[in-house]
C-alpha atoms as a PDB file:
ATOM      1  CA  MET A   1       0.000   0.000   0.000  1.00  0.00           C
ATOM      2  CA  ALA A   2       2.709   2.462  -0.835  1.00  0.00           C
ATOM      3  CA  GLN A   3       0.675   4.092  -3.618  1.00  0.00           C
ATOM      4  CA  SER A   4      -2.276   6.395  -3.006  1.00  0.00           C
ATOM      5  CA  ALA A   5      -5.466   5.998  -5.030  1.00  0.00           C
ATOM      6  CA  VAL A   6      -6.372   9.693  -4.675  1.00  0.00           C
ATOM      7  CA  ALA A   7      -4.428  12.292  -6.615  1.00  0.00           C
ATOM      8  CA  GLN A   8      -2.962  15.088  -4.564  1.00  0.00           C
ATOM      9  CA  PRO A   9      -4.366  18.556  -5.413  1.00  0.00           C
ATOM     10  CA  THR A  10      -1.948  20.955  -7.009  1.00  0.00           C
ATOM     11  CA  VAL A  11      -1.637  24.512  -5.753  1.00  0.00           C
ATOM     12  CA  THR A  12      -2.256  27.130  -8.435  1.00  0.00           C
ATOM     13  CA  THR A  13      -1.804  30.862  -8.240  1.00  0.00           C
ATOM     14  CA  PRO A  14      -4.758  33.079  -9.156  1.00  0.00           C
ATOM     15  CA  ALA A  15      -4.688  34.677 -12.590  1.00  0.00           C
ATOM     16  CA  VAL A  16      -3.791  38.352 -12.613  1.00  0.00           C
ATOM     17  CA  PRO A  17      -5.780  40.471 -15.105  1.00  0.00           C
ATOM     18  CA  ALA A  18      -3.767  42.244 -17.759  1.00  0.00           C
ATOM     19  CA  LYS A  19      -3.080  45.897 -17.063  1.00  0.00           C
ATOM     20  CA  LEU A  20      -4.364  48.328 -19.685  1.00  0.00           C
ATOM     21  CA  PRO A  21      -2.495  51.600 -20.041  1.00  0.00           C
ATOM     22  CA  ILE A  22      -4.619  54.722 -19.663  1.00  0.00           C
ATOM     23  CA  GLY A  23      -3.448  55.814 -23.121  1.00  0.00           C
ATOM     24  CA  ALA A  24      -5.331  52.881 -24.640  1.00  0.00           C
ATOM     25  CA  ILE A  25      -8.567  53.652 -22.803  1.00  0.00           C
ATOM     26  CA  ALA A  26      -8.611  57.468 -23.004  1.00  0.00           C
ATOM     27  CA  PRO A  27      -9.492  57.838 -26.734  1.00  0.00           C
ATOM     28  CA  TRP A  28     -12.422  55.444 -26.373  1.00  0.00           C
ATOM     29  CA  ALA A  29     -13.628  57.202 -23.224  1.00  0.00           C
ATOM     30  CA  VAL A  30     -13.531  60.586 -24.981  1.00  0.00           C
ATOM     31  CA  PHE A  31     -15.311  59.171 -28.047  1.00  0.00           C
ATOM     32  CA  LEU A  32     -18.078  57.591 -25.940  1.00  0.00           C
ATOM     33  CA  GLY A  33     -18.435  60.762 -23.871  1.00  0.00           C
ATOM     34  CA  ILE A  34     -18.908  62.891 -26.996  1.00  0.00           C
ATOM     35  CA  LEU A  35     -21.350  60.336 -28.416  1.00  0.00           C
ATOM     36  CA  MET A  36     -23.401  60.418 -25.213  1.00  0.00           C
ATOM     37  CA  LEU A  37     -23.490  64.232 -25.268  1.00  0.00           C
ATOM     38  CA  VAL A  38     -24.681  64.225 -28.894  1.00  0.00           C
ATOM     39  CA  LEU A  39     -27.393  61.687 -28.047  1.00  0.00           C
ATOM     40  CA  LEU A  40     -28.430  63.726 -25.013  1.00  0.00           C
ATOM     41  CA  TYR A  41     -28.652  66.831 -27.200  1.00  0.00           C
ATOM     42  CA  PHE A  42     -30.870  65.146 -29.777  1.00  0.00           C
ATOM     43  CA  VAL A  43     -33.121  63.588 -27.163  1.00  0.00           C
ATOM     44  CA  GLY A  44     -33.320  66.580 -24.854  1.00  0.00           C
ATOM     45  CA  ALA A  45     -32.707  69.792 -26.755  1.00  0.00           C
ATOM     46  CA  GLU A  46     -33.247  69.231 -30.483  1.00  0.00           C
ATOM     47  CA  GLN A  47     -36.244  71.461 -30.662  1.00  0.00           C
ATOM     48  CA  GLY A  48     -36.609  75.197 -30.620  1.00  0.00           C
ATOM     49  CA  ALA A  49     -33.992  77.946 -30.890  1.00  0.00           C
ATOM     50  CA  THR A  50     -30.933  75.650 -30.842  1.00  0.00           C
ATOM     51  CA  SER A  51     -32.294  73.199 -33.383  1.00  0.00           C
ATOM     52  CA  LEU A  52     -29.725  71.863 -35.856  1.00  0.00           C
ATOM     53  CA  VAL A  53     -32.320  70.052 -37.963  1.00  0.00           C
ATOM     54  CA  SER A  54     -35.427  71.883 -39.135  1.00  0.00           C
ATOM     55  CA  GLY A  55     -38.839  70.306 -38.854  1.00  0.00           C
ATOM     56  CA  GLU A  56     -40.251  67.722 -36.477  1.00  0.00           C
ATOM     57  CA  GLY A  57     -38.417  64.629 -37.792  1.00  0.00           C
ATOM     58  CA  VAL A  58     -35.885  64.314 -34.985  1.00  0.00           C
ATOM     59  CA  HIS A  59     -38.552  65.104 -32.396  1.00  0.00           C
ATOM     60  CA  GLU A  60     -40.743  62.266 -33.647  1.00  0.00           C
ATOM     61  CA  TRP A  61     -37.843  59.774 -33.689  1.00  0.00           C
ATOM     62  CA  VAL A  62     -36.858  60.481 -30.080  1.00  0.00           C
ATOM     63  CA  HIS A  63     -40.308  61.297 -28.700  1.00  0.00           C
ATOM     64  CA  ASP A  64     -40.634  58.269 -26.412  1.00  0.00           C
ATOM     65  CA  ALA A  65     -37.055  58.621 -25.186  1.00  0.00           C
ATOM     66  CA  ARG A  66     -37.815  62.213 -24.206  1.00  0.00           C
ATOM     67  CA  HIS A  67     -40.674  61.082 -21.990  1.00  0.00           C
ATOM     68  CA  LEU A  68     -38.660  58.175 -20.579  1.00  0.00           C
ATOM     69  CA  LEU A  69     -35.824  60.515 -19.550  1.00  0.00           C
ATOM     70  CA  GLY A  70     -38.193  63.165 -18.184  1.00  0.00           C
ATOM     71  CA  PHE A  71     -37.776  65.867 -20.815  1.00  0.00           C
ATOM     72  CA  PRO A  72     -40.950  67.867 -21.455  1.00  0.00           C
ATOM     73  CA  CYS A  73     -41.913  68.119 -25.086  1.00  0.00           C
ATOM     74  CA  HIS A  74     -45.580  69.086 -25.188  1.00  0.00           C
END
């Protein structure tokens, strides 16, 4: 009986996540921030004196989003 029937567990070290440099993340963060501001403008302010697009087309496309986010529109 010198041999064991049960295998001994091996000790493993936990995996360390790869480090991302801030230079790789910053352009994407700026791009997404600008995109969110543009979307917020079209949903919340694209109507009236600061309108970039004439007519009611944009208003009709984002009408439900305006109500969902609490922007008054009528």
